[in-house]
Every structure is written in C-alpha cells, then in structure tokens.
Amino acid sequence: QNYHDYHDPFMGPVDMAGFDKRVYDALKPGGLFVV
C-alpha cells in the first residue's frame, strides 16, 4: 500500500525508473519484488 506514495510530491517525487532499477539491483538473481 505504498508503491503509489513514491510518485507523490512529498516523496520527491521519485524517479521510478531509477527506483525500480535499484530494487532490481538489490535482489539476488531469481529474487522477487511483491507489490
């Protein structure tokens, strides 16, 4: 219930392309991102 928050002005808003790439880089190969 907070993925949407990252798009909002109070969070930056965050560059979601860069953010999701950071999630990707944090994960092991085969790892999961659950939203």
PDB file of all heavy atoms in Angstrom:
ATOM      1  N   GLN A   1       0.801  -1.230   0.000  1.00  0.00           N
ATOM      2  CA  GLN A   1       0.000   0.000   0.000  1.00  0.00           C
ATOM      3  C   GLN A   1       0.831   1.277   0.000  1.00  0.00           C
ATOM      4  O   GLN A   1       0.345   2.331   0.423  1.00  0.00           O
ATOM      5  CB  GLN A   1      -0.963   0.005   1.198  1.00  0.00           C
ATOM      6  CG  GLN A   1      -1.909  -1.184   1.219  1.00  0.00           C
ATOM      7  CD  GLN A   1      -2.805  -1.193   2.437  1.00  0.00           C
ATOM      8  OE1 GLN A   1      -2.559  -0.494   3.419  1.00  0.00           O
ATOM      9  NE2 GLN A   1      -3.863  -1.976   2.401  1.00  0.00           N
ATOM     10  N   ASN A   2       2.069   1.196  -0.482  1.00  0.00           N
ATOM     11  CA  ASN A   2       2.839   2.441  -0.536  1.00  0.00           C
ATOM     12  C   ASN A   2       3.662   2.619  -1.803  1.00  0.00           C
ATOM     13  O   ASN A   2       4.408   3.604  -1.910  1.00  0.00           O
ATOM     14  CB  ASN A   2       3.732   2.602   0.708  1.00  0.00           C
ATOM     15  CG  ASN A   2       4.566   1.374   0.989  1.00  0.00           C
ATOM     16  OD1 ASN A   2       5.228   0.853   0.094  1.00  0.00           O
ATOM     17  ND2 ASN A   2       4.532   0.892   2.232  1.00  0.00           N
ATOM     18  N   TYR A   3       3.528   1.735  -2.779  1.00  0.00           N
ATOM     19  CA  TYR A   3       4.229   1.978  -4.047  1.00  0.00           C
ATOM     20  C   TYR A   3       3.738   3.293  -4.646  1.00  0.00           C
ATOM     21  O   TYR A   3       4.526   4.073  -5.194  1.00  0.00           O
ATOM     22  CB  TYR A   3       3.985   0.827  -5.022  1.00  0.00           C
ATOM     23  CG  TYR A   3       4.761   0.931  -6.314  1.00  0.00           C
ATOM     24  CD1 TYR A   3       6.023   0.355  -6.444  1.00  0.00           C
ATOM     25  CD2 TYR A   3       4.237   1.602  -7.415  1.00  0.00           C
ATOM     26  CE1 TYR A   3       6.744   0.440  -7.635  1.00  0.00           C
ATOM     27  CE2 TYR A   3       4.941   1.702  -8.605  1.00  0.00           C
ATOM     28  CZ  TYR A   3       6.192   1.120  -8.714  1.00  0.00           C
ATOM     29  OH  TYR A   3       6.903   1.221  -9.898  1.00  0.00           O
ATOM     30  N   HIS A   4       2.443   3.565  -4.519  1.00  0.00           N
ATOM     31  CA  HIS A   4       1.889   4.801  -5.093  1.00  0.00           C
ATOM     32  C   HIS A   4       2.498   6.042  -4.451  1.00  0.00           C
ATOM     33  O   HIS A   4       2.622   7.079  -5.100  1.00  0.00           O
ATOM     34  CB  HIS A   4       0.359   4.830  -4.936  1.00  0.00           C
ATOM     35  CG  HIS A   4      -0.112   5.048  -3.536  1.00  0.00           C
ATOM     36  ND1 HIS A   4      -0.325   4.020  -2.647  1.00  0.00           N
ATOM     37  CD2 HIS A   4      -0.407   6.200  -2.855  1.00  0.00           C
ATOM     38  CE1 HIS A   4      -0.741   4.510  -1.495  1.00  0.00           C
ATOM     39  NE2 HIS A   4      -0.794   5.824  -1.579  1.00  0.00           N
ATOM     40  N   ASP A   5       2.889   5.938  -3.164  1.00  0.00           N
ATOM     41  CA  ASP A   5       3.444   7.101  -2.463  1.00  0.00           C
ATOM     42  C   ASP A   5       4.718   7.621  -3.114  1.00  0.00           C
ATOM     43  O   ASP A   5       4.994   8.829  -3.082  1.00  0.00           O
ATOM     44  CB  ASP A   5       3.750   6.754  -1.003  1.00  0.00           C
ATOM     45  CG  ASP A   5       2.505   6.628  -0.140  1.00  0.00           C
ATOM     46  OD1 ASP A   5       1.563   7.414  -0.344  1.00  0.00           O
ATOM     47  OD2 ASP A   5       2.473   5.741   0.728  1.00  0.00           O
ATOM     48  N   TYR A   6       5.504   6.722  -3.677  1.00  0.00           N
ATOM     49  CA  TYR A   6       6.775   7.134  -4.271  1.00  0.00           C
ATOM     50  C   TYR A   6       6.583   8.071  -5.467  1.00  0.00           C
ATOM     51  O   TYR A   6       7.514   8.768  -5.868  1.00  0.00           O
ATOM     52  CB  TYR A   6       7.585   5.904  -4.678  1.00  0.00           C
ATOM     53  CG  TYR A   6       8.241   5.207  -3.510  1.00  0.00           C
ATOM     54  CD1 TYR A   6       7.550   4.282  -2.730  1.00  0.00           C
ATOM     55  CD2 TYR A   6       9.559   5.482  -3.159  1.00  0.00           C
ATOM     56  CE1 TYR A   6       8.153   3.660  -1.646  1.00  0.00           C
ATOM     57  CE2 TYR A   6      10.170   4.862  -2.076  1.00  0.00           C
ATOM     58  CZ  TYR A   6       9.457   3.957  -1.328  1.00  0.00           C
ATOM     59  OH  TYR A   6      10.050   3.334  -0.246  1.00  0.00           O
ATOM     60  N   HIS A   7       5.370   8.120  -6.012  1.00  0.00           N
ATOM     61  CA  HIS A   7       5.086   9.011  -7.141  1.00  0.00           C
ATOM     62  C   HIS A   7       4.675  10.412  -6.700  1.00  0.00           C
ATOM     63  O   HIS A   7       4.583  11.320  -7.532  1.00  0.00           O
ATOM     64  CB  HIS A   7       3.942   8.433  -7.995  1.00  0.00           C
ATOM     65  CG  HIS A   7       4.283   7.163  -8.696  1.00  0.00           C
ATOM     66  ND1 HIS A   7       4.254   5.941  -8.078  1.00  0.00           N
ATOM     67  CD2 HIS A   7       4.666   6.931  -9.976  1.00  0.00           C
ATOM     68  CE1 HIS A   7       4.585   5.001  -8.942  1.00  0.00           C
ATOM     69  NE2 HIS A   7       4.853   5.572 -10.089  1.00  0.00           N
ATOM     70  N   ASP A   8       4.407  10.576  -5.405  1.00  0.00           N
ATOM     71  CA  ASP A   8       3.809  11.824  -4.939  1.00  0.00           C
ATOM     72  C   ASP A   8       4.844  12.903  -4.628  1.00  0.00           C
ATOM     73  O   ASP A   8       6.005  12.605  -4.313  1.00  0.00           O
ATOM     74  CB  ASP A   8       2.944  11.549  -3.705  1.00  0.00           C
ATOM     75  CG  ASP A   8       1.714  10.725  -4.057  1.00  0.00           C
ATOM     76  OD1 ASP A   8       1.342  10.691  -5.244  1.00  0.00           O
ATOM     77  OD2 ASP A   8       1.133  10.111  -3.146  1.00  0.00           O
ATOM     78  N   PRO A   9       4.424  14.176  -4.691  1.00  0.00           N
ATOM     79  CA  PRO A   9       5.351  15.290  -4.486  1.00  0.00           C
ATOM     80  C   PRO A   9       6.135  15.218  -3.183  1.00  0.00           C
ATOM     81  O   PRO A   9       7.318  15.560  -3.142  1.00  0.00           O
ATOM     82  CB  PRO A   9       4.429  16.511  -4.525  1.00  0.00           C
ATOM     83  CG  PRO A   9       3.294  16.092  -5.409  1.00  0.00           C
ATOM     84  CD  PRO A   9       3.076  14.652  -5.086  1.00  0.00           C
ATOM     85  N   PHE A  10       5.497  14.779  -2.087  1.00  0.00           N
ATOM     86  CA  PHE A  10       6.194  14.783  -0.803  1.00  0.00           C
ATOM     87  C   PHE A  10       7.360  13.802  -0.771  1.00  0.00           C
ATOM     88  O   PHE A  10       8.272  13.932   0.051  1.00  0.00           O
ATOM     89  CB  PHE A  10       5.221  14.498   0.343  1.00  0.00           C
ATOM     90  CG  PHE A  10       4.921  13.036   0.576  1.00  0.00           C
ATOM     91  CD1 PHE A  10       5.628  12.307   1.517  1.00  0.00           C
ATOM     92  CD2 PHE A  10       3.920  12.403  -0.148  1.00  0.00           C
ATOM     93  CE1 PHE A  10       5.354  10.967   1.742  1.00  0.00           C
ATOM     94  CE2 PHE A  10       3.622  11.068   0.076  1.00  0.00           C
ATOM     95  CZ  PHE A  10       4.349  10.346   1.018  1.00  0.00           C
ATOM     96  N   MET A  11       7.381  12.844  -1.680  1.00  0.00           N
ATOM     97  CA  MET A  11       8.490  11.889  -1.754  1.00  0.00           C
ATOM     98  C   MET A  11       9.536  12.322  -2.770  1.00  0.00           C
ATOM     99  O   MET A  11      10.529  11.630  -2.975  1.00  0.00           O
ATOM    100  CB  MET A  11       7.967  10.506  -2.120  1.00  0.00           C
ATOM    101  CG  MET A  11       7.138   9.849  -1.044  1.00  0.00           C
ATOM    102  SD  MET A  11       8.117   9.180   0.318  1.00  0.00           S
ATOM    103  CE  MET A  11       8.223   7.462  -0.154  1.00  0.00           C
ATOM    104  N   GLY A  12       9.353  13.453  -3.397  1.00  0.00           N
ATOM    105  CA  GLY A  12      10.344  13.925  -4.356  1.00  0.00           C
ATOM    106  C   GLY A  12       9.756  14.732  -5.514  1.00  0.00           C
ATOM    107  O   GLY A  12      10.085  15.872  -5.680  1.00  0.00           O
ATOM    108  N   PRO A  13       8.886  14.118  -6.333  1.00  0.00           N
ATOM    109  CA  PRO A  13       8.592  12.688  -6.405  1.00  0.00           C
ATOM    110  C   PRO A  13       9.806  11.905  -6.885  1.00  0.00           C
ATOM    111  O   PRO A  13      10.753  12.472  -7.438  1.00  0.00           O
ATOM    112  CB  PRO A  13       7.453  12.614  -7.427  1.00  0.00           C
ATOM    113  CG  PRO A  13       7.687  13.791  -8.325  1.00  0.00           C
ATOM    114  CD  PRO A  13       8.242  14.865  -7.451  1.00  0.00           C
ATOM    115  N   VAL A  14       9.777  10.625  -6.674  1.00  0.00           N
ATOM    116  CA  VAL A  14      10.902   9.766  -7.009  1.00  0.00           C
ATOM    117  C   VAL A  14      10.892   9.428  -8.500  1.00  0.00           C
ATOM    118  O   VAL A  14       9.826   9.231  -9.094  1.00  0.00           O
ATOM    119  CB  VAL A  14      10.823   8.463  -6.177  1.00  0.00           C
ATOM    120  CG1 VAL A  14      11.862   7.457  -6.618  1.00  0.00           C
ATOM    121  CG2 VAL A  14      10.980   8.786  -4.697  1.00  0.00           C
ATOM    122  N   ASP A  15      12.070   9.378  -9.086  1.00  0.00           N
ATOM    123  CA  ASP A  15      12.217   8.879 -10.454  1.00  0.00           C
ATOM    124  C   ASP A  15      12.023   7.366 -10.390  1.00  0.00           C
ATOM    125  O   ASP A  15      12.908   6.635  -9.943  1.00  0.00           O
ATOM    126  CB  ASP A  15      13.604   9.222 -10.994  1.00  0.00           C
ATOM    127  CG  ASP A  15      13.911   8.521 -12.297  1.00  0.00           C
ATOM    128  OD1 ASP A  15      12.962   8.107 -13.002  1.00  0.00           O
ATOM    129  OD2 ASP A  15      15.108   8.338 -12.604  1.00  0.00           O
ATOM    130  N   MET A  16      10.848   6.898 -10.806  1.00  0.00           N
ATOM    131  CA  MET A  16      10.519   5.494 -10.612  1.00  0.00           C
ATOM    132  C   MET A  16      11.342   4.555 -11.489  1.00  0.00           C
ATOM    133  O   MET A  16      11.557   3.388 -11.127  1.00  0.00           O
ATOM    134  CB  MET A  16       9.029   5.265 -10.844  1.00  0.00           C
ATOM    135  CG  MET A  16       8.152   5.946  -9.805  1.00  0.00           C
ATOM    136  SD  MET A  16       8.610   5.564  -8.074  1.00  0.00           S
ATOM    137  CE  MET A  16       8.194   3.820  -7.977  1.00  0.00           C
ATOM    138  N   ALA A  17      11.818   5.036 -12.614  1.00  0.00           N
ATOM    139  CA  ALA A  17      12.688   4.196 -13.434  1.00  0.00           C
ATOM    140  C   ALA A  17      13.964   3.871 -12.663  1.00  0.00           C
ATOM    141  O   ALA A  17      14.411   2.712 -12.614  1.00  0.00           O
ATOM    142  CB  ALA A  17      13.012   4.893 -14.745  1.00  0.00           C
ATOM    143  N   GLY A  18      14.528   4.898 -12.014  1.00  0.00           N
ATOM    144  CA  GLY A  18      15.726   4.682 -11.220  1.00  0.00           C
ATOM    145  C   GLY A  18      15.448   3.881  -9.971  1.00  0.00           C
ATOM    146  O   GLY A  18      16.240   3.022  -9.569  1.00  0.00           O
ATOM    147  N   PHE A  19      14.289   4.132  -9.344  1.00  0.00           N
ATOM    148  CA  PHE A  19      13.932   3.424  -8.120  1.00  0.00           C
ATOM    149  C   PHE A  19      13.757   1.926  -8.377  1.00  0.00           C
ATOM    150  O   PHE A  19      14.307   1.084  -7.649  1.00  0.00           O
ATOM    151  CB  PHE A  19      12.648   4.010  -7.539  1.00  0.00           C
ATOM    152  CG  PHE A  19      12.154   3.298  -6.314  1.00  0.00           C
ATOM    153  CD1 PHE A  19      12.681   3.587  -5.069  1.00  0.00           C
ATOM    154  CD2 PHE A  19      11.166   2.325  -6.407  1.00  0.00           C
ATOM    155  CE1 PHE A  19      12.236   2.922  -3.928  1.00  0.00           C
ATOM    156  CE2 PHE A  19      10.716   1.650  -5.286  1.00  0.00           C
ATOM    157  CZ  PHE A  19      11.250   1.951  -4.042  1.00  0.00           C
ATOM    158  N   ASP A  20      12.978   1.585  -9.391  1.00  0.00           N
ATOM    159  CA  ASP A  20      12.742   0.170  -9.682  1.00  0.00           C
ATOM    160  C   ASP A  20      14.029  -0.543 -10.097  1.00  0.00           C
ATOM    161  O   ASP A  20      14.206  -1.734  -9.819  1.00  0.00           O
ATOM    162  CB  ASP A  20      11.677   0.024 -10.769  1.00  0.00           C
ATOM    163  CG  ASP A  20      10.285   0.348 -10.248  1.00  0.00           C
ATOM    164  OD1 ASP A  20      10.001   0.037  -9.078  1.00  0.00           O
ATOM    165  OD2 ASP A  20       9.476   0.915 -11.007  1.00  0.00           O
ATOM    166  N   LYS A  21      14.939   0.205 -10.726  1.00  0.00           N
ATOM    167  CA  LYS A  21      16.240  -0.391 -11.069  1.00  0.00           C
ATOM    168  C   LYS A  21      17.039  -0.672  -9.789  1.00  0.00           C
ATOM    169  O   LYS A  21      17.756  -1.683  -9.694  1.00  0.00           O
ATOM    170  CB  LYS A  21      17.024   0.536 -11.985  1.00  0.00           C
ATOM    171  CG  LYS A  21      18.345  -0.039 -12.491  1.00  0.00           C
ATOM    172  CD  LYS A  21      18.110  -1.317 -13.293  1.00  0.00           C
ATOM    173  CE  LYS A  21      19.371  -1.753 -14.042  1.00  0.00           C
ATOM    174  NZ  LYS A  21      20.477  -2.084 -13.125  1.00  0.00           N
ATOM    175  N   ARG A  22      16.908   0.192  -8.788  1.00  0.00           N
ATOM    176  CA  ARG A  22      17.588  -0.050  -7.509  1.00  0.00           C
ATOM    177  C   ARG A  22      17.003  -1.271  -6.802  1.00  0.00           C
ATOM    178  O   ARG A  22      17.730  -2.031  -6.161  1.00  0.00           O
ATOM    179  CB  ARG A  22      17.483   1.196  -6.618  1.00  0.00           C
ATOM    180  CG  ARG A  22      18.425   2.331  -7.044  1.00  0.00           C
ATOM    181  CD  ARG A  22      18.251   3.560  -6.176  1.00  0.00           C
ATOM    182  NE  ARG A  22      19.260   4.560  -6.481  1.00  0.00           N
ATOM    183  CZ  ARG A  22      20.467   4.623  -5.923  1.00  0.00           C
ATOM    184  NH1 ARG A  22      20.798   3.735  -4.990  1.00  0.00           N
ATOM    185  NH2 ARG A  22      21.326   5.548  -6.260  1.00  0.00           N
ATOM    186  N   VAL A  23      15.694  -1.447  -6.899  1.00  0.00           N
ATOM    187  CA  VAL A  23      15.075  -2.656  -6.348  1.00  0.00           C
ATOM    188  C   VAL A  23      15.650  -3.877  -7.054  1.00  0.00           C
ATOM    189  O   VAL A  23      16.022  -4.868  -6.417  1.00  0.00           O
ATOM    190  CB  VAL A  23      13.538  -2.613  -6.512  1.00  0.00           C
ATOM    191  CG1 VAL A  23      12.917  -3.951  -6.096  1.00  0.00           C
ATOM    192  CG2 VAL A  23      12.936  -1.477  -5.695  1.00  0.00           C
ATOM    193  N   TYR A  24      15.719  -3.797  -8.361  1.00  0.00           N
ATOM    194  CA  TYR A  24      16.261  -4.885  -9.178  1.00  0.00           C
ATOM    195  C   TYR A  24      17.693  -5.220  -8.752  1.00  0.00           C
ATOM    196  O   TYR A  24      18.045  -6.382  -8.556  1.00  0.00           O
ATOM    197  CB  TYR A  24      16.227  -4.464 -10.645  1.00  0.00           C
ATOM    198  CG  TYR A  24      16.646  -5.519 -11.641  1.00  0.00           C
ATOM    199  CD1 TYR A  24      15.703  -6.353 -12.237  1.00  0.00           C
ATOM    200  CD2 TYR A  24      17.983  -5.669 -12.004  1.00  0.00           C
ATOM    201  CE1 TYR A  24      16.084  -7.313 -13.168  1.00  0.00           C
ATOM    202  CE2 TYR A  24      18.371  -6.624 -12.919  1.00  0.00           C
ATOM    203  CZ  TYR A  24      17.415  -7.445 -13.498  1.00  0.00           C
ATOM    204  OH  TYR A  24      17.807  -8.397 -14.413  1.00  0.00           O
ATOM    205  N   ASP A  25      18.508  -4.198  -8.593  1.00  0.00           N
ATOM    206  CA  ASP A  25      19.918  -4.407  -8.244  1.00  0.00           C
ATOM    207  C   ASP A  25      20.080  -4.962  -6.826  1.00  0.00           C
ATOM    208  O   ASP A  25      21.058  -5.658  -6.538  1.00  0.00           O
ATOM    209  CB  ASP A  25      20.691  -3.091  -8.362  1.00  0.00           C
ATOM    210  CG  ASP A  25      20.843  -2.637  -9.810  1.00  0.00           C
ATOM    211  OD1 ASP A  25      20.668  -3.467 -10.720  1.00  0.00           O
ATOM    212  OD2 ASP A  25      21.113  -1.432 -10.022  1.00  0.00           O
ATOM    213  N   ALA A  26      19.112  -4.672  -5.931  1.00  0.00           N
ATOM    214  CA  ALA A  26      19.202  -5.155  -4.557  1.00  0.00           C
ATOM    215  C   ALA A  26      18.921  -6.645  -4.446  1.00  0.00           C
ATOM    216  O   ALA A  26      19.355  -7.296  -3.489  1.00  0.00           O
ATOM    217  CB  ALA A  26      18.233  -4.381  -3.669  1.00  0.00           C
ATOM    218  N   LEU A  27      18.218  -7.181  -5.421  1.00  0.00           N
ATOM    219  CA  LEU A  27      17.787  -8.576  -5.361  1.00  0.00           C
ATOM    220  C   LEU A  27      18.826  -9.550  -5.896  1.00  0.00           C
ATOM    221  O   LEU A  27      19.585  -9.240  -6.819  1.00  0.00           O
ATOM    222  CB  LEU A  27      16.493  -8.760  -6.160  1.00  0.00           C
ATOM    223  CG  LEU A  27      15.214  -8.227  -5.510  1.00  0.00           C
ATOM    224  CD1 LEU A  27      14.100  -8.124  -6.547  1.00  0.00           C
ATOM    225  CD2 LEU A  27      14.786  -9.137  -4.360  1.00  0.00           C
ATOM    226  N   LYS A  28      18.810 -10.727  -5.337  1.00  0.00           N
ATOM    227  CA  LYS A  28      19.599 -11.829  -5.886  1.00  0.00           C
ATOM    228  C   LYS A  28      18.980 -12.252  -7.223  1.00  0.00           C
ATOM    229  O   LYS A  28      17.787 -12.035  -7.451  1.00  0.00           O
ATOM    230  CB  LYS A  28      19.565 -13.036  -4.943  1.00  0.00           C
ATOM    231  CG  LYS A  28      20.130 -12.805  -3.560  1.00  0.00           C
ATOM    232  CD  LYS A  28      19.929 -14.050  -2.705  1.00  0.00           C
ATOM    233  CE  LYS A  28      20.433 -13.852  -1.281  1.00  0.00           C
ATOM    234  NZ  LYS A  28      20.182 -15.042  -0.432  1.00  0.00           N
ATOM    235  N   PRO A  29      19.752 -12.868  -8.115  1.00  0.00           N
ATOM    236  CA  PRO A  29      19.139 -13.448  -9.315  1.00  0.00           C
ATOM    237  C   PRO A  29      18.028 -14.417  -8.910  1.00  0.00           C
ATOM    238  O   PRO A  29      18.200 -15.242  -8.020  1.00  0.00           O
ATOM    239  CB  PRO A  29      20.304 -14.177  -9.977  1.00  0.00           C
ATOM    240  CG  PRO A  29      21.517 -13.421  -9.519  1.00  0.00           C
ATOM    241  CD  PRO A  29      21.219 -13.024  -8.102  1.00  0.00           C
ATOM    242  N   GLY A  30      16.864 -14.283  -9.518  1.00  0.00           N
ATOM    243  CA  GLY A  30      15.723 -15.107  -9.161  1.00  0.00           C
ATOM    244  C   GLY A  30      14.890 -14.536  -8.027  1.00  0.00           C
ATOM    245  O   GLY A  30      13.839 -15.097  -7.687  1.00  0.00           O
ATOM    246  N   GLY A  31      15.336 -13.416  -7.435  1.00  0.00           N
ATOM    247  CA  GLY A  31      14.617 -12.802  -6.320  1.00  0.00           C
ATOM    248  C   GLY A  31      13.304 -12.176  -6.750  1.00  0.00           C
ATOM    249  O   GLY A  31      13.062 -11.934  -7.943  1.00  0.00           O
ATOM    250  N   LEU A  32      12.450 -11.895  -5.769  1.00  0.00           N
ATOM    251  CA  LEU A  32      11.102 -11.414  -6.043  1.00  0.00           C
ATOM    252  C   LEU A  32      10.865  -9.994  -5.538  1.00  0.00           C
ATOM    253  O   LEU A  32      11.400  -9.589  -4.503  1.00  0.00           O
ATOM    254  CB  LEU A  32      10.075 -12.329  -5.366  1.00  0.00           C
ATOM    255  CG  LEU A  32      10.035 -13.788  -5.814  1.00  0.00           C
ATOM    256  CD1 LEU A  32       8.996 -14.552  -4.997  1.00  0.00           C
ATOM    257  CD2 LEU A  32       9.728 -13.887  -7.299  1.00  0.00           C
ATOM    258  N   PHE A  33      10.043  -9.273  -6.270  1.00  0.00           N
ATOM    259  CA  PHE A  33       9.533  -7.962  -5.866  1.00  0.00           C
ATOM    260  C   PHE A  33       8.010  -8.103  -5.824  1.00  0.00           C
ATOM    261  O   PHE A  33       7.370  -8.326  -6.861  1.00  0.00           O
ATOM    262  CB  PHE A  33       9.952  -6.900  -6.881  1.00  0.00           C
ATOM    263  CG  PHE A  33       9.555  -5.486  -6.544  1.00  0.00           C
ATOM    264  CD1 PHE A  33       9.291  -5.081  -5.248  1.00  0.00           C
ATOM    265  CD2 PHE A  33       9.460  -4.522  -7.553  1.00  0.00           C
ATOM    266  CE1 PHE A  33       8.938  -3.777  -4.938  1.00  0.00           C
ATOM    267  CE2 PHE A  33       9.117  -3.207  -7.268  1.00  0.00           C
ATOM    268  CZ  PHE A  33       8.850  -2.840  -5.959  1.00  0.00           C
ATOM    269  N   VAL A  34       7.424  -8.015  -4.629  1.00  0.00           N
ATOM    270  CA  VAL A  34       5.981  -8.158  -4.466  1.00  0.00           C
ATOM    271  C   VAL A  34       5.383  -6.802  -4.120  1.00  0.00           C
ATOM    272  O   VAL A  34       5.824  -6.143  -3.165  1.00  0.00           O
ATOM    273  CB  VAL A  34       5.641  -9.197  -3.379  1.00  0.00           C
ATOM    274  CG1 VAL A  34       4.150  -9.198  -3.061  1.00  0.00           C
ATOM    275  CG2 VAL A  34       6.089 -10.594  -3.822  1.00  0.00           C
ATOM    276  N   VAL A  35       4.389  -6.392  -4.907  1.00  0.00           N
ATOM    277  CA  VAL A  35       3.755  -5.085  -4.750  1.00  0.00           C
ATOM    278  C   VAL A  35       2.267  -5.265  -4.479  1.00  0.00           C
ATOM    279  O   VAL A  35       1.560  -5.895  -5.273  1.00  0.00           O
ATOM    280  CB  VAL A  35       3.940  -4.221  -6.016  1.00  0.00           C
ATOM    281  CG1 VAL A  35       3.255  -2.861  -5.835  1.00  0.00           C
ATOM    282  CG2 VAL A  35       5.410  -4.047  -6.350  1.00  0.00           C
TER     283      VAL A  35
END
